[in-house]
């Protein structure tokens, strides 16, 4: 399966369903706190290779977002992404 990046900006009351088998994350782009509710449709959703999904997605997940999520310098993210874009 191709590691594709799906993005959507949600407003209060909106719903988003993550495609089965793809890694997912949330990022609050607003200036106030956000609340999210999550539910799972299965106890065994499958196996995902996280590194491939995160650093080899198409289009790429923003290096700034990944640097903040992993709490590392953007140069580290650039180095990791280079390993998956060969």
PDB file of N, CA and C in Angstrom:
ATOM      1  N   UNK A   1       0.829  -1.178   0.000  1.00  0.00           N
ATOM      2  CA  UNK A   1       0.000   0.000   0.000  1.00  0.00           C
ATOM      3  C   UNK A   1       0.875   1.244   0.000  1.00  0.00           C
ATOM      4  N   UNK A   2       0.540   2.209  -0.828  1.00  0.00           N
ATOM      5  CA  UNK A   2       1.267   3.471  -0.878  1.00  0.00           C
ATOM      6  C   UNK A   2       0.949   4.278   0.374  1.00  0.00           C
ATOM      7  N   UNK A   3       1.969   4.891   0.960  1.00  0.00           N
ATOM      8  CA  UNK A   3       1.781   5.709   2.158  1.00  0.00           C
ATOM      9  C   UNK A   3       1.387   7.117   1.747  1.00  0.00           C
ATOM     10  N   UNK A   4       0.097   7.326   1.602  1.00  0.00           N
ATOM     11  CA  UNK A   4      -0.416   8.603   1.140  1.00  0.00           C
ATOM     12  C   UNK A   4      -0.838   9.464   2.324  1.00  0.00           C
ATOM     13  N   UNK A   5      -0.560  10.772   2.257  1.00  0.00           N
ATOM     14  CA  UNK A   5      -0.950  11.720   3.289  1.00  0.00           C
ATOM     15  C   UNK A   5      -2.302  12.322   2.939  1.00  0.00           C
ATOM     16  N   UNK A   6      -3.263  12.167   3.845  1.00  0.00           N
ATOM     17  CA  UNK A   6      -4.574  12.803   3.715  1.00  0.00           C
ATOM     18  C   UNK A   6      -4.623  13.929   4.746  1.00  0.00           C
ATOM     19  N   UNK A   7      -5.047  15.118   4.358  1.00  0.00           N
ATOM     20  CA  UNK A   7      -5.160  16.215   5.307  1.00  0.00           C
ATOM     21  C   UNK A   7      -6.545  16.833   5.217  1.00  0.00           C
ATOM     22  N   UNK A   8      -7.000  17.365   6.341  1.00  0.00           N
ATOM     23  CA  UNK A   8      -8.285  18.046   6.384  1.00  0.00           C
ATOM     24  C   UNK A   8      -8.276  18.987   7.575  1.00  0.00           C
ATOM     25  N   UNK A   9      -8.684  20.225   7.358  1.00  0.00           N
ATOM     26  CA  UNK A   9      -8.847  21.165   8.460  1.00  0.00           C
ATOM     27  C   UNK A   9     -10.275  21.030   8.956  1.00  0.00           C
ATOM     28  N   UNK A  10     -10.406  20.716  10.240  1.00  0.00           N
ATOM     29  CA  UNK A  10     -11.731  20.501  10.819  1.00  0.00           C
ATOM     30  C   UNK A  10     -12.210  21.733  11.562  1.00  0.00           C
ATOM     31  N   UNK A  11     -13.507  21.958  11.511  1.00  0.00           N
ATOM     32  CA  UNK A  11     -14.170  23.011  12.265  1.00  0.00           C
ATOM     33  C   UNK A  11     -15.050  22.353  13.318  1.00  0.00           C
ATOM     34  N   UNK A  12     -15.474  23.095  14.335  1.00  0.00           N
ATOM     35  CA  UNK A  12     -16.320  22.485  15.375  1.00  0.00           C
ATOM     36  C   UNK A  12     -17.492  21.711  14.767  1.00  0.00           C
ATOM     37  N   UNK A  13     -17.644  20.457  15.224  1.00  0.00           N
ATOM     38  CA  UNK A  13     -18.719  19.594  14.742  1.00  0.00           C
ATOM     39  C   UNK A  13     -18.360  18.736  13.549  1.00  0.00           C
ATOM     40  N   UNK A  14     -17.218  18.976  12.905  1.00  0.00           N
ATOM     41  CA  UNK A  14     -16.803  18.178  11.751  1.00  0.00           C
ATOM     42  C   UNK A  14     -16.363  16.784  12.183  1.00  0.00           C
ATOM     43  N   UNK A  15     -16.399  15.859  11.237  1.00  0.00           N
ATOM     44  CA  UNK A  15     -15.990  14.472  11.452  1.00  0.00           C
ATOM     45  C   UNK A  15     -14.978  14.104  10.380  1.00  0.00           C
ATOM     46  N   UNK A  16     -13.989  13.286  10.759  1.00  0.00           N
ATOM     47  CA  UNK A  16     -13.013  12.778   9.798  1.00  0.00           C
ATOM     48  C   UNK A  16     -12.764  11.309  10.103  1.00  0.00           C
ATOM     49  N   UNK A  17     -12.837  10.471   9.100  1.00  0.00           N
ATOM     50  CA  UNK A  17     -12.577   9.039   9.251  1.00  0.00           C
ATOM     51  C   UNK A  17     -11.206   8.753   8.657  1.00  0.00           C
ATOM     52  N   UNK A  18     -10.323   8.178   9.492  1.00  0.00           N
ATOM     53  CA  UNK A  18      -8.987   7.817   9.013  1.00  0.00           C
ATOM     54  C   UNK A  18      -9.078   6.555   8.174  1.00  0.00           C
ATOM     55  N   UNK A  19      -8.442   6.544   7.000  1.00  0.00           N
ATOM     56  CA  UNK A  19      -8.449   5.325   6.182  1.00  0.00           C
ATOM     57  C   UNK A  19      -7.834   4.150   6.953  1.00  0.00           C
ATOM     58  N   UNK A  20      -8.462   2.997   6.856  1.00  0.00           N
ATOM     59  CA  UNK A  20      -7.998   1.810   7.572  1.00  0.00           C
ATOM     60  C   UNK A  20      -6.580   1.455   7.151  1.00  0.00           C
ATOM     61  N   UNK A  21      -5.744   1.155   8.144  1.00  0.00           N
ATOM     62  CA  UNK A  21      -4.387   0.698   7.884  1.00  0.00           C
ATOM     63  C   UNK A  21      -3.363   1.806   7.700  1.00  0.00           C
ATOM     64  N   UNK A  22      -3.788   3.062   7.739  1.00  0.00           N
ATOM     65  CA  UNK A  22      -2.826   4.155   7.593  1.00  0.00           C
ATOM     66  C   UNK A  22      -2.570   4.795   8.955  1.00  0.00           C
ATOM     67  N   UNK A  23      -1.322   5.133   9.196  1.00  0.00           N
ATOM     68  CA  UNK A  23      -0.981   5.825  10.433  1.00  0.00           C
ATOM     69  C   UNK A  23      -1.665   7.184  10.418  1.00  0.00           C
ATOM     70  N   UNK A  24      -1.985   7.691  11.602  1.00  0.00           N
ATOM     71  CA  UNK A  24      -2.679   8.961  11.653  1.00  0.00           C
ATOM     72  C   UNK A  24      -2.195   9.811  12.821  1.00  0.00           C
ATOM     73  N   UNK A  25      -2.404  11.104  12.691  1.00  0.00           N
ATOM     74  CA  UNK A  25      -2.032  12.046  13.744  1.00  0.00           C
ATOM     75  C   UNK A  25      -2.940  13.260  13.627  1.00  0.00           C
ATOM     76  N   UNK A  26      -2.998  14.023  14.699  1.00  0.00           N
ATOM     77  CA  UNK A  26      -3.762  15.256  14.702  1.00  0.00           C
ATOM     78  C   UNK A  26      -2.804  16.391  15.051  1.00  0.00           C
ATOM     79  N   UNK A  27      -3.061  17.563  14.486  1.00  0.00           N
ATOM     80  CA  UNK A  27      -2.242  18.742  14.742  1.00  0.00           C
ATOM     81  C   UNK A  27      -3.180  19.933  14.862  1.00  0.00           C
ATOM     82  N   UNK A  28      -3.179  20.574  16.024  1.00  0.00           N
ATOM     83  CA  UNK A  28      -4.051  21.716  16.257  1.00  0.00           C
ATOM     84  C   UNK A  28      -3.426  22.961  15.638  1.00  0.00           C
ATOM     85  N   UNK A  29      -4.035  23.477  14.579  1.00  0.00           N
ATOM     86  CA  UNK A  29      -3.518  24.675  13.910  1.00  0.00           C
ATOM     87  C   UNK A  29      -4.169  25.943  14.445  1.00  0.00           C
ATOM     88  N   UNK A  30      -5.103  25.774  15.381  1.00  0.00           N
ATOM     89  CA  UNK A  30      -5.799  26.924  15.950  1.00  0.00           C
ATOM     90  C   UNK A  30      -5.004  27.586  17.061  1.00  0.00           C
ATOM     91  N   UNK A  31      -5.568  28.637  17.585  1.00  0.00           N
ATOM     92  CA  UNK A  31      -4.925  29.384  18.658  1.00  0.00           C
ATOM     93  C   UNK A  31      -5.527  29.067  20.027  1.00  0.00           C
ATOM     94  N   UNK A  32      -6.539  28.195  20.065  1.00  0.00           N
ATOM     95  CA  UNK A  32      -7.156  27.783  21.325  1.00  0.00           C
ATOM     96  C   UNK A  32      -7.063  26.269  21.449  1.00  0.00           C
ATOM     97  N   UNK A  33      -7.380  25.752  22.628  1.00  0.00           N
ATOM     98  CA  UNK A  33      -7.364  24.303  22.839  1.00  0.00           C
ATOM     99  C   UNK A  33      -8.414  23.630  21.964  1.00  0.00           C
ATOM    100  N   UNK A  34      -8.153  22.384  21.617  1.00  0.00           N
ATOM    101  CA  UNK A  34      -9.091  21.602  20.818  1.00  0.00           C
ATOM    102  C   UNK A  34      -9.398  20.303  21.551  1.00  0.00           C
ATOM    103  N   UNK A  35     -10.571  19.746  21.281  1.00  0.00           N
ATOM    104  CA  UNK A  35     -10.978  18.472  21.867  1.00  0.00           C
ATOM    105  C   UNK A  35     -11.294  17.522  20.723  1.00  0.00           C
ATOM    106  N   UNK A  36     -10.797  16.294  20.827  1.00  0.00           N
ATOM    107  CA  UNK A  36     -11.078  15.288  19.804  1.00  0.00           C
ATOM    108  C   UNK A  36     -11.556  14.007  20.480  1.00  0.00           C
ATOM    109  N   UNK A  37     -12.511  13.342  19.867  1.00  0.00           N
ATOM    110  CA  UNK A  37     -12.981  12.039  20.323  1.00  0.00           C
ATOM    111  C   UNK A  37     -12.581  11.023  19.272  1.00  0.00           C
ATOM    112  N   UNK A  38     -12.048   9.886  19.716  1.00  0.00           N
ATOM    113  CA  UNK A  38     -11.618   8.852  18.779  1.00  0.00           C
ATOM    114  C   UNK A  38     -12.277   7.528  19.135  1.00  0.00           C
ATOM    115  N   UNK A  39     -12.601   6.764  18.121  1.00  0.00           N
ATOM    116  CA  UNK A  39     -13.152   5.428  18.313  1.00  0.00           C
ATOM    117  C   UNK A  39     -12.508   4.484  17.323  1.00  0.00           C
ATOM    118  N   UNK A  40     -12.393   3.237  17.719  1.00  0.00           N
ATOM    119  CA  UNK A  40     -11.766   2.236  16.861  1.00  0.00           C
ATOM    120  C   UNK A  40     -12.807   1.213  16.442  1.00  0.00           C
ATOM    121  N   UNK A  41     -12.749   0.810  15.168  1.00  0.00           N
ATOM    122  CA  UNK A  41     -13.699  -0.159  14.650  1.00  0.00           C
ATOM    123  C   UNK A  41     -13.230  -1.583  14.809  1.00  0.00           C
ATOM    124  N   UNK A  42     -12.022  -1.799  15.317  1.00  0.00           N
ATOM    125  CA  UNK A  42     -11.482  -3.143  15.425  1.00  0.00           C
ATOM    126  C   UNK A  42     -10.392  -3.160  16.486  1.00  0.00           C
ATOM    127  N   UNK A  43     -10.241  -4.298  17.149  1.00  0.00           N
ATOM    128  CA  UNK A  43      -9.141  -4.447  18.088  1.00  0.00           C
ATOM    129  C   UNK A  43      -7.861  -4.824  17.362  1.00  0.00           C
ATOM    130  N   UNK A  44      -7.945  -5.238  16.111  1.00  0.00           N
ATOM    131  CA  UNK A  44      -6.784  -5.668  15.346  1.00  0.00           C
ATOM    132  C   UNK A  44      -6.812  -4.988  13.983  1.00  0.00           C
ATOM    133  N   UNK A  45      -6.431  -3.689  13.914  1.00  0.00           N
ATOM    134  CA  UNK A  45      -6.542  -2.965  12.651  1.00  0.00           C
ATOM    135  C   UNK A  45      -5.465  -3.280  11.621  1.00  0.00           C
ATOM    136  N   UNK A  46      -4.495  -4.114  11.963  1.00  0.00           N
ATOM    137  CA  UNK A  46      -3.438  -4.433  11.014  1.00  0.00           C
ATOM    138  C   UNK A  46      -2.106  -3.871  11.443  1.00  0.00           C
ATOM    139  N   UNK A  47      -1.079  -4.180  10.682  1.00  0.00           N
ATOM    140  CA  UNK A  47       0.277  -3.739  11.006  1.00  0.00           C
ATOM    141  C   UNK A  47       0.675  -2.602  10.065  1.00  0.00           C
ATOM    142  N   UNK A  48       1.265  -1.567  10.633  1.00  0.00           N
ATOM    143  CA  UNK A  48       1.719  -0.418   9.861  1.00  0.00           C
ATOM    144  C   UNK A  48       3.195  -0.205  10.179  1.00  0.00           C
ATOM    145  N   UNK A  49       4.017  -0.043   9.161  1.00  0.00           N
ATOM    146  CA  UNK A  49       5.414   0.304   9.381  1.00  0.00           C
ATOM    147  C   UNK A  49       5.467   1.817   9.551  1.00  0.00           C
ATOM    148  N   UNK A  50       5.611   2.262  10.788  1.00  0.00           N
ATOM    149  CA  UNK A  50       5.477   3.673  11.110  1.00  0.00           C
ATOM    150  C   UNK A  50       6.515   4.527  10.385  1.00  0.00           C
ATOM    151  N   UNK A  51       7.761   4.110  10.378  1.00  0.00           N
ATOM    152  CA  UNK A  51       8.802   4.927   9.736  1.00  0.00           C
ATOM    153  C   UNK A  51       8.476   5.169   8.269  1.00  0.00           C
ATOM    154  N   UNK A  52       8.071   4.141   7.550  1.00  0.00           N
ATOM    155  CA  UNK A  52       7.727   4.301   6.129  1.00  0.00           C
ATOM    156  C   UNK A  52       6.538   5.233   5.954  1.00  0.00           C
ATOM    157  N   UNK A  53       5.536   5.081   6.813  1.00  0.00           N
ATOM    158  CA  UNK A  53       4.329   5.889   6.697  1.00  0.00           C
ATOM    159  C   UNK A  53       4.593   7.355   7.024  1.00  0.00           C
ATOM    160  N   UNK A  54       5.446   7.609   8.002  1.00  0.00           N
ATOM    161  CA  UNK A  54       5.695   8.986   8.439  1.00  0.00           C
ATOM    162  C   UNK A  54       6.710   9.694   7.546  1.00  0.00           C
ATOM    163  N   UNK A  55       7.821   9.038   7.266  1.00  0.00           N
ATOM    164  CA  UNK A  55       8.902   9.704   6.533  1.00  0.00           C
ATOM    165  C   UNK A  55       8.866   9.443   5.034  1.00  0.00           C
ATOM    166  N   UNK A  56       7.974   8.588   4.571  1.00  0.00           N
ATOM    167  CA  UNK A  56       7.892   8.288   3.145  1.00  0.00           C
ATOM    168  C   UNK A  56       6.518   8.535   2.564  1.00  0.00           C
ATOM    169  N   UNK A  57       5.718   9.379   3.222  1.00  0.00           N
ATOM    170  CA  UNK A  57       4.361   9.628   2.738  1.00  0.00           C
ATOM    171  C   UNK A  57       4.379  10.494   1.475  1.00  0.00           C
ATOM    172  N   UNK A  58       3.270  10.469   0.752  1.00  0.00           N
ATOM    173  CA  UNK A  58       3.132  11.256  -0.468  1.00  0.00           C
ATOM    174  C   UNK A  58       1.797  11.987  -0.423  1.00  0.00           C
ATOM    175  N   UNK A  59       1.763  13.311  -0.306  1.00  0.00           N
ATOM    176  CA  UNK A  59       2.915  14.196  -0.182  1.00  0.00           C
ATOM    177  C   UNK A  59       3.548  14.067   1.196  1.00  0.00           C
ATOM    178  N   UNK A  60       4.736  14.617   1.347  1.00  0.00           N
ATOM    179  CA  UNK A  60       5.451  14.539   2.621  1.00  0.00           C
ATOM    180  C   UNK A  60       4.701  15.295   3.713  1.00  0.00           C
ATOM    181  N   UNK A  61       4.765  14.770   4.931  1.00  0.00           N
ATOM    182  CA  UNK A  61       4.264  15.496   6.089  1.00  0.00           C
ATOM    183  C   UNK A  61       5.258  16.625   6.351  1.00  0.00           C
ATOM    184  N   UNK A  62       4.764  17.796   6.650  1.00  0.00           N
ATOM    185  CA  UNK A  62       5.616  18.962   6.878  1.00  0.00           C
ATOM    186  C   UNK A  62       6.734  18.648   7.866  1.00  0.00           C
ATOM    187  N   UNK A  63       7.961  18.975   7.496  1.00  0.00           N
ATOM    188  CA  UNK A  63       9.109  18.748   8.384  1.00  0.00           C
ATOM    189  C   UNK A  63       8.962  19.533   9.678  1.00  0.00           C
ATOM    190  N   UNK A  64       8.326  20.688   9.618  1.00  0.00           N
ATOM    191  CA  UNK A  64       8.094  21.477  10.831  1.00  0.00           C
ATOM    192  C   UNK A  64       7.153  20.748  11.786  1.00  0.00           C
ATOM    193  N   UNK A  65       6.115  20.130  11.239  1.00  0.00           N
ATOM    194  CA  UNK A  65       5.163  19.358  12.064  1.00  0.00           C
ATOM    195  C   UNK A  65       5.875  18.162  12.690  1.00  0.00           C
ATOM    196  N   UNK A  66       6.664  17.437  11.885  1.00  0.00           N
ATOM    197  CA  UNK A  66       7.370  16.264  12.403  1.00  0.00           C
ATOM    198  C   UNK A  66       8.409  16.649  13.448  1.00  0.00           C
ATOM    199  N   UNK A  67       9.115  17.754  13.235  1.00  0.00           N
ATOM    200  CA  UNK A  67      10.117  18.203  14.201  1.00  0.00           C
ATOM    201  C   UNK A  67       9.456  18.512  15.537  1.00  0.00           C
ATOM    202  N   UNK A  68       8.301  19.149  15.487  1.00  0.00           N
ATOM    203  CA  UNK A  68       7.582  19.469  16.721  1.00  0.00           C
ATOM    204  C   UNK A  68       7.058  18.192  17.386  1.00  0.00           C
ATOM    205  N   UNK A  69       6.515  17.274  16.594  1.00  0.00           N
ATOM    206  CA  UNK A  69       5.949  16.037  17.135  1.00  0.00           C
ATOM    207  C   UNK A  69       7.015  15.162  17.796  1.00  0.00           C
ATOM    208  N   UNK A  70       8.187  15.069  17.170  1.00  0.00           N
ATOM    209  CA  UNK A  70       9.259  14.218  17.700  1.00  0.00           C
ATOM    210  C   UNK A  70      10.223  14.990  18.607  1.00  0.00           C
ATOM    211  N   UNK A  71      10.000  16.298  18.728  1.00  0.00           N
ATOM    212  CA  UNK A  71      10.818  17.162  19.575  1.00  0.00           C
ATOM    213  C   UNK A  71      12.302  17.077  19.212  1.00  0.00           C
ATOM    214  N   UNK A  72      12.568  17.213  17.912  1.00  0.00           N
ATOM    215  CA  UNK A  72      13.939  17.210  17.396  1.00  0.00           C
ATOM    216  C   UNK A  72      14.103  18.389  16.449  1.00  0.00           C
ATOM    217  N   UNK A  73      15.328  18.693  16.101  1.00  0.00           N
ATOM    218  CA  UNK A  73      15.629  19.752  15.148  1.00  0.00           C
ATOM    219  C   UNK A  73      15.156  19.330  13.754  1.00  0.00           C
ATOM    220  N   UNK A  74      14.736  20.287  12.940  1.00  0.00           N
ATOM    221  CA  UNK A  74      14.281  20.002  11.576  1.00  0.00           C
ATOM    222  C   UNK A  74      15.348  19.290  10.752  1.00  0.00           C
ATOM    223  N   UNK A  75      16.630  19.527  11.039  1.00  0.00           N
ATOM    224  CA  UNK A  75      17.713  18.857  10.306  1.00  0.00           C
ATOM    225  C   UNK A  75      17.657  17.341  10.506  1.00  0.00           C
ATOM    226  N   UNK A  76      17.233  16.905  11.684  1.00  0.00           N
ATOM    227  CA  UNK A  76      17.095  15.467  11.953  1.00  0.00           C
ATOM    228  C   UNK A  76      15.989  14.889  11.071  1.00  0.00           C
ATOM    229  N   UNK A  77      14.884  15.609  10.943  1.00  0.00           N
ATOM    230  CA  UNK A  77      13.780  15.154  10.094  1.00  0.00           C
ATOM    231  C   UNK A  77      14.240  15.087   8.636  1.00  0.00           C
ATOM    232  N   UNK A  78      14.958  16.101   8.185  1.00  0.00           N
ATOM    233  CA  UNK A  78      15.471  16.105   6.807  1.00  0.00           C
ATOM    234  C   UNK A  78      16.356  14.884   6.547  1.00  0.00           C
ATOM    235  N   UNK A  79      17.192  14.552   7.513  1.00  0.00           N
ATOM    236  CA  UNK A  79      18.074  13.388   7.386  1.00  0.00           C
ATOM    237  C   UNK A  79      17.266  12.092   7.305  1.00  0.00           C
ATOM    238  N   UNK A  80      16.251  11.970   8.164  1.00  0.00           N
ATOM    239  CA  UNK A  80      15.419  10.768   8.153  1.00  0.00           C
ATOM    240  C   UNK A  80      14.624  10.648   6.851  1.00  0.00           C
ATOM    241  N   UNK A  81      14.029  11.750   6.402  1.00  0.00           N
ATOM    242  CA  UNK A  81      13.261  11.712   5.155  1.00  0.00           C
ATOM    243  C   UNK A  81      14.133  11.311   3.972  1.00  0.00           C
ATOM    244  N   UNK A  82      15.372  11.750   3.957  1.00  0.00           N
ATOM    245  CA  UNK A  82      16.290  11.410   2.849  1.00  0.00           C
ATOM    246  C   UNK A  82      16.477   9.899   2.720  1.00  0.00           C
ATOM    247  N   UNK A  83      16.372   9.171   3.830  1.00  0.00           N
ATOM    248  CA  UNK A  83      16.547   7.712   3.820  1.00  0.00           C
ATOM    249  C   UNK A  83      15.390   7.021   3.087  1.00  0.00           C
ATOM    250  N   UNK A  84      14.221   7.657   3.036  1.00  0.00           N
ATOM    251  CA  UNK A  84      13.042   7.043   2.435  1.00  0.00           C
ATOM    252  C   UNK A  84      12.737   7.566   1.036  1.00  0.00           C
ATOM    253  N   UNK A  85      13.487   8.557   0.597  1.00  0.00           N
ATOM    254  CA  UNK A  85      13.230   9.156  -0.720  1.00  0.00           C
ATOM    255  C   UNK A  85      14.270   8.778  -1.750  1.00  0.00           C
ATOM    256  N   UNK A  86      15.040   7.732  -1.464  1.00  0.00           N
ATOM    257  CA  UNK A  86      16.097   7.292  -2.399  1.00  0.00           C
ATOM    258  C   UNK A  86      15.520   6.679  -3.628  1.00  0.00           C
TER     259      UNK A  86
END
